[in-house]
Structures are given as structure tokens and as C-alpha cells.
Amino acid sequence: MRVVIGEDQVLMREGLRLVLEQAGFTIAGVAEDAPTLVQLARELRPDLVLADIRMPPGLADDGLRAVLSLRAERPELPVIVLSQHMQRRYASELLESGEQSVGYLLKQRIADLDTFIGDMHRVVGGGTVLDPVVVAAMIGRPRAGDPLAGLTGRQREVLALMAEGRSNAAIAELLHIEEKSVVRHASHVYAQLGIEESRQGHRRVLAVVQYLSQ
């Protein structure tokens, strides 16, 4: 798998390069700023773009803007954006950039290398990955009158895993229940939240995240 990395902090950039090369990935290019990231991704056409949200020149959300511009040109391009801090709007904006192959992860996720590499493969394979910390913050504690308050504990677990981008089969395995039970719980979640049901991975993640971001 050929990867282009966008990261301005040298220790993080070189650390990512090292661990990914050791894991068998090919680092096709590295960029220290957002314009260079866009240029490299256009020229090299990697299998995956891995980018920090905050990059020069603006050190705001320049990395995210670069990724979104690349997705506008090539909607099927697999991308993962990394963030130091959780921002729900970034997750929503990224998920709206295309039908599949997107990930939004906090940087501490990299410490669990096996999970991080698994996330990369899921995104390249067309999946959607959302950091569990982001999902937990979105779900939070339901307020009075909030439809989330009407969900059972199990339904909230299913909702969280759906928002992370997990398939029904994966949710069933993680919760040690049958897949048909996951389908039933998911249907209750959709009905309770008043969102359109979809079994297509990215579309259902987007529907859930859009609701949670309101």
C-alpha cells in the first residue's frame, strides 16, 4: 500500500514513516504543509492519504481543507485525517466528502499500532472509521427530551459502534450477540432517532453522525 503523509511536526512525521514502513507500507511521499500535500497526492496518486488536520500555512484546518479538495477531485481517494483534539464538525464535514473510504482519528489512536493499521486497511477497503472518543463525546449523556434518552443501554452500545463504522457482523462479535440481534437493535435506533435506515456502511455512519452533530 502506497501512502502519502501530511504532517508538519517532524517527530510525528518521521515516527509515522518509520512505523508504517516497518509494517510493510510504502511511503510514497511526505508533506510538511497543505499545498505540498495536495501536489504530492495529485502527482503520486497514492492508495491512501494520511494527514494532520492542522498544517501550515495557516495552522488551522489547512490539512482538512487539503484533503477535502483532493476528495472533490477524486471522490474515491481513501483518506484519514488525524487530530490532536476532538472536533465533531470536522468529522461531519469529512464524512460528507464522499461515499466511502474516510477516517477521522485522534492522534493517540496511533499508539495502538495494530488497531491503527487495521483502521487504515478498513478505509482503503472502502470502509469508514470514526474514533471511539469522538463517538463517545457525540453520544454523551442524553438530556431530558433527547431521543437518545429513549435508547436502552444495548441500543446505545450498538449506536456507538455504528458511528465508528463497524459492520453488523463486527458489532455482533464485539458485543457477543447474534447478528440478527444487531439488526433489530439498529432498527430501533433508527426509529428512535427518526433517521432513514441504511445498511450501507458509509451512509449509515453519515446519518448517525449528522444526527449526533445537531
Protein backbone atom coordinates (compact mmCIF):
# COMPACT_ATOMS: atom_id res chain seq x y z
CA MET A 1 0.00 0.00 0.00
CA ARG A 2 1.38 3.39 -1.04
CA VAL A 3 0.79 6.20 1.45
CA VAL A 4 1.31 9.96 1.34
CA ILE A 5 1.75 11.57 4.77
CA GLY A 6 0.88 15.17 5.57
CA GLU A 7 2.30 16.26 8.93
CA ASP A 8 4.27 19.38 9.88
CA GLN A 9 5.70 18.13 13.19
CA VAL A 10 8.94 16.37 12.38
CA LEU A 11 8.82 13.83 15.22
CA MET A 12 5.28 12.75 14.36
CA ARG A 13 6.02 12.71 10.64
CA GLU A 14 9.17 10.63 10.91
CA GLY A 15 7.60 8.41 13.56
CA LEU A 16 4.70 7.63 11.25
CA ARG A 17 7.06 6.97 8.38
CA LEU A 18 9.13 4.57 10.49
CA VAL A 19 6.31 2.52 11.97
CA LEU A 20 4.42 2.29 8.70
CA GLU A 21 7.48 1.23 6.72
CA GLN A 22 8.23 -1.39 9.37
CA ALA A 23 4.64 -2.60 8.99
CA GLY A 24 5.13 -3.07 5.24
CA PHE A 25 3.66 0.14 3.84
CA THR A 26 5.40 2.16 1.13
CA ILE A 27 5.69 5.86 1.96
CA ALA A 28 5.30 7.43 -1.46
CA GLY A 29 5.78 10.97 -0.19
CA VAL A 30 5.68 13.27 2.84
CA ALA A 31 4.45 16.85 3.04
CA GLU A 32 5.10 19.50 5.69
CA ASP A 33 2.33 21.84 4.54
CA ALA A 34 -1.10 21.62 2.96
CA PRO A 35 -0.24 22.88 -0.56
CA THR A 36 2.58 20.33 -0.84
CA LEU A 37 0.23 17.60 0.36
CA VAL A 38 -2.21 18.40 -2.43
CA GLN A 39 0.59 18.50 -5.01
CA LEU A 40 2.07 15.16 -3.93
CA ALA A 41 -1.29 13.41 -3.81
CA ARG A 42 -2.12 14.63 -7.31
CA GLU A 43 1.24 13.59 -8.73
CA LEU A 44 1.76 10.29 -6.90
CA ARG A 45 -1.86 9.04 -6.73
CA PRO A 46 -1.32 7.04 -3.54
CA ASP A 47 -3.58 4.33 -2.15
CA LEU A 48 -4.11 6.40 1.00
CA VAL A 49 -3.58 9.97 2.19
CA LEU A 50 -2.86 10.31 5.90
CA ALA A 51 -2.97 13.93 7.05
CA ASP A 52 -2.95 16.07 10.17
CA ILE A 53 -5.89 18.47 10.32
CA ARG A 54 -3.72 21.41 11.44
CA MET A 55 -0.97 22.14 8.93
CA PRO A 56 0.88 25.18 7.58
CA PRO A 57 0.48 27.70 6.17
CA GLY A 58 -2.50 28.64 8.32
CA LEU A 59 -2.09 26.07 11.11
CA ALA A 60 -5.87 25.98 11.44
CA ASP A 61 -7.72 23.29 9.48
CA ASP A 62 -5.48 23.52 6.40
CA GLY A 63 -4.85 19.77 6.35
CA LEU A 64 -8.57 19.04 6.34
CA ARG A 65 -9.13 21.61 3.57
CA ALA A 66 -6.40 19.94 1.51
CA VAL A 67 -7.98 16.52 1.96
CA LEU A 68 -11.42 17.83 1.06
CA SER A 69 -10.08 19.42 -2.13
CA LEU A 70 -8.45 16.13 -3.09
CA ARG A 71 -11.68 14.27 -2.43
CA ALA A 72 -13.55 16.76 -4.61
CA GLU A 73 -11.20 15.88 -7.48
CA ARG A 74 -11.04 12.17 -6.73
CA PRO A 75 -14.02 11.10 -4.57
CA GLU A 76 -12.81 7.52 -4.25
CA LEU A 77 -9.43 8.55 -2.75
CA PRO A 78 -9.03 6.89 0.67
CA VAL A 79 -8.16 9.48 3.32
CA ILE A 80 -7.59 9.53 7.07
CA VAL A 81 -7.29 12.79 8.96
CA LEU A 82 -5.62 12.92 12.36
CA SER A 83 -6.44 15.41 15.09
CA GLN A 84 -4.89 16.25 18.44
CA HIS A 85 -8.30 17.21 19.83
CA MET A 86 -11.84 16.08 19.15
CA GLN A 87 -13.90 18.31 16.84
CA ARG A 88 -17.33 16.98 15.87
CA ARG A 89 -17.73 19.36 12.94
CA TYR A 90 -14.52 18.06 11.36
CA ALA A 91 -15.86 14.51 11.49
CA SER A 92 -19.17 15.55 9.94
CA GLU A 93 -17.51 17.60 7.21
CA LEU A 94 -15.15 14.79 6.28
CA LEU A 95 -17.91 12.19 6.16
CA GLU A 96 -19.86 14.43 3.80
CA SER A 97 -16.95 14.46 1.32
CA GLY A 98 -17.83 11.21 -0.41
CA GLU A 99 -19.46 7.83 -0.28
CA GLN A 100 -16.71 5.80 1.35
CA SER A 101 -13.05 5.41 2.31
CA VAL A 102 -12.73 8.07 5.00
CA GLY A 103 -11.41 8.08 8.55
CA TYR A 104 -11.25 10.61 11.38
CA LEU A 105 -8.96 9.59 14.24
CA LEU A 106 -7.33 11.20 17.23
CA LYS A 107 -3.55 11.03 17.22
CA GLN A 108 -3.40 8.93 20.37
CA ARG A 109 -5.00 6.14 18.33
CA ILE A 110 -1.62 5.62 16.66
CA ALA A 111 -0.21 4.31 19.95
CA ASP A 112 -2.28 1.15 19.41
CA LEU A 113 -0.45 0.32 16.21
CA ASP A 114 -2.33 -2.87 15.35
CA THR A 115 -5.68 -1.08 15.65
CA PHE A 116 -4.40 1.90 13.68
CA ILE A 117 -3.13 -0.30 10.86
CA GLY A 118 -6.45 -2.13 10.88
CA ASP A 119 -8.20 1.23 10.54
CA MET A 120 -6.01 2.08 7.55
CA HIS A 121 -6.89 -1.17 5.81
CA ARG A 122 -10.60 -0.64 6.51
CA VAL A 123 -10.51 2.81 4.92
CA VAL A 124 -8.55 1.62 1.87
CA GLY A 125 -11.05 -1.22 1.56
CA GLY A 126 -13.89 1.28 1.26
CA GLY A 127 -14.89 1.49 4.91
CA THR A 128 -15.48 4.39 7.26
CA VAL A 129 -13.61 4.80 10.55
CA LEU A 130 -14.51 7.24 13.31
CA ASP A 131 -12.51 7.45 16.54
CA PRO A 132 -14.36 5.94 19.54
CA VAL A 133 -13.51 9.01 21.63
CA VAL A 134 -15.28 11.22 19.11
CA VAL A 135 -18.30 8.93 19.10
CA ALA A 136 -18.46 8.86 22.90
CA ALA A 137 -18.37 12.65 23.04
CA MET A 138 -21.16 12.87 20.48
CA ILE A 139 -23.41 10.47 22.34
CA GLY A 140 -22.57 11.80 25.80
CA ARG A 141 -25.24 11.95 28.48
CA PRO A 142 -28.71 12.35 26.98
CA ARG A 143 -30.72 15.32 28.18
CA ALA A 144 -34.40 15.25 29.10
CA GLY A 145 -36.44 15.16 25.92
CA ASP A 146 -33.47 13.97 23.86
CA PRO A 147 -34.41 10.91 21.75
CA LEU A 148 -31.13 9.33 22.90
CA ALA A 149 -32.68 9.08 26.37
CA GLY A 150 -35.16 6.59 24.97
CA LEU A 151 -32.46 4.11 23.96
CA THR A 152 -31.59 1.12 26.09
CA GLY A 153 -28.02 0.53 27.18
CA ARG A 154 -27.56 -2.11 24.49
CA GLN A 155 -29.01 0.15 21.81
CA ARG A 156 -26.58 2.90 22.82
CA GLU A 157 -23.71 0.41 22.51
CA VAL A 158 -24.89 -0.51 19.02
CA LEU A 159 -25.29 3.18 18.12
CA ALA A 160 -21.72 3.93 19.22
CA LEU A 161 -20.29 1.06 17.18
CA MET A 162 -22.39 2.03 14.16
CA ALA A 163 -20.99 5.55 14.37
CA GLU A 164 -17.45 4.14 14.48
CA GLY A 165 -18.15 2.49 11.13
CA ARG A 166 -18.50 -1.09 12.34
CA SER A 167 -20.46 -3.59 10.27
CA ASN A 168 -23.32 -5.59 11.76
CA ALA A 169 -21.10 -8.67 11.84
CA ALA A 170 -18.32 -6.79 13.66
CA ILE A 171 -20.78 -5.33 16.18
CA ALA A 172 -22.19 -8.79 16.85
CA GLU A 173 -18.72 -10.16 17.51
CA LEU A 174 -17.73 -7.28 19.80
CA LEU A 175 -20.94 -7.45 21.84
CA HIS A 176 -21.14 -11.27 21.80
CA ILE A 177 -24.64 -11.32 20.35
CA GLU A 178 -26.18 -12.67 17.15
CA GLU A 179 -26.09 -10.54 14.03
CA LYS A 180 -29.88 -10.59 13.75
CA SER A 181 -29.98 -9.01 17.21
CA VAL A 182 -27.74 -6.21 15.95
CA VAL A 183 -30.11 -5.62 13.03
CA ARG A 184 -33.04 -5.43 15.44
CA HIS A 185 -31.25 -3.01 17.77
CA ALA A 186 -30.13 -0.87 14.82
CA SER A 187 -33.70 -0.65 13.54
CA HIS A 188 -34.85 0.56 16.97
CA VAL A 189 -32.06 3.15 16.98
CA TYR A 190 -33.07 4.49 13.57
CA ALA A 191 -36.72 4.63 14.59
CA GLN A 192 -35.98 6.36 17.90
CA LEU A 193 -33.75 8.97 16.29
CA GLY A 194 -36.03 9.48 13.31
CA ILE A 195 -33.32 8.92 10.70
CA GLU A 196 -33.51 6.95 7.48
CA GLU A 197 -32.36 3.36 7.82
CA SER A 198 -29.47 2.22 5.64
CA ARG A 199 -27.31 -0.89 5.69
CA GLN A 200 -24.65 0.71 3.51
CA GLY A 201 -21.72 1.35 5.85
CA HIS A 202 -20.79 4.92 4.98
CA ARG A 203 -24.37 6.12 4.56
CA ARG A 204 -25.42 4.81 7.92
CA VAL A 205 -22.38 6.31 9.65
CA LEU A 206 -23.12 9.64 8.00
CA ALA A 207 -26.77 9.52 9.05
CA VAL A 208 -25.86 8.76 12.65
CA VAL A 209 -23.08 11.36 12.84
CA GLN A 210 -25.25 14.04 11.25
CA TYR A 211 -27.88 13.39 13.91
CA LEU A 212 -25.37 13.43 16.75
CA SER A 213 -23.84 16.67 15.46
CA GLN A 214 -27.11 18.59 15.63
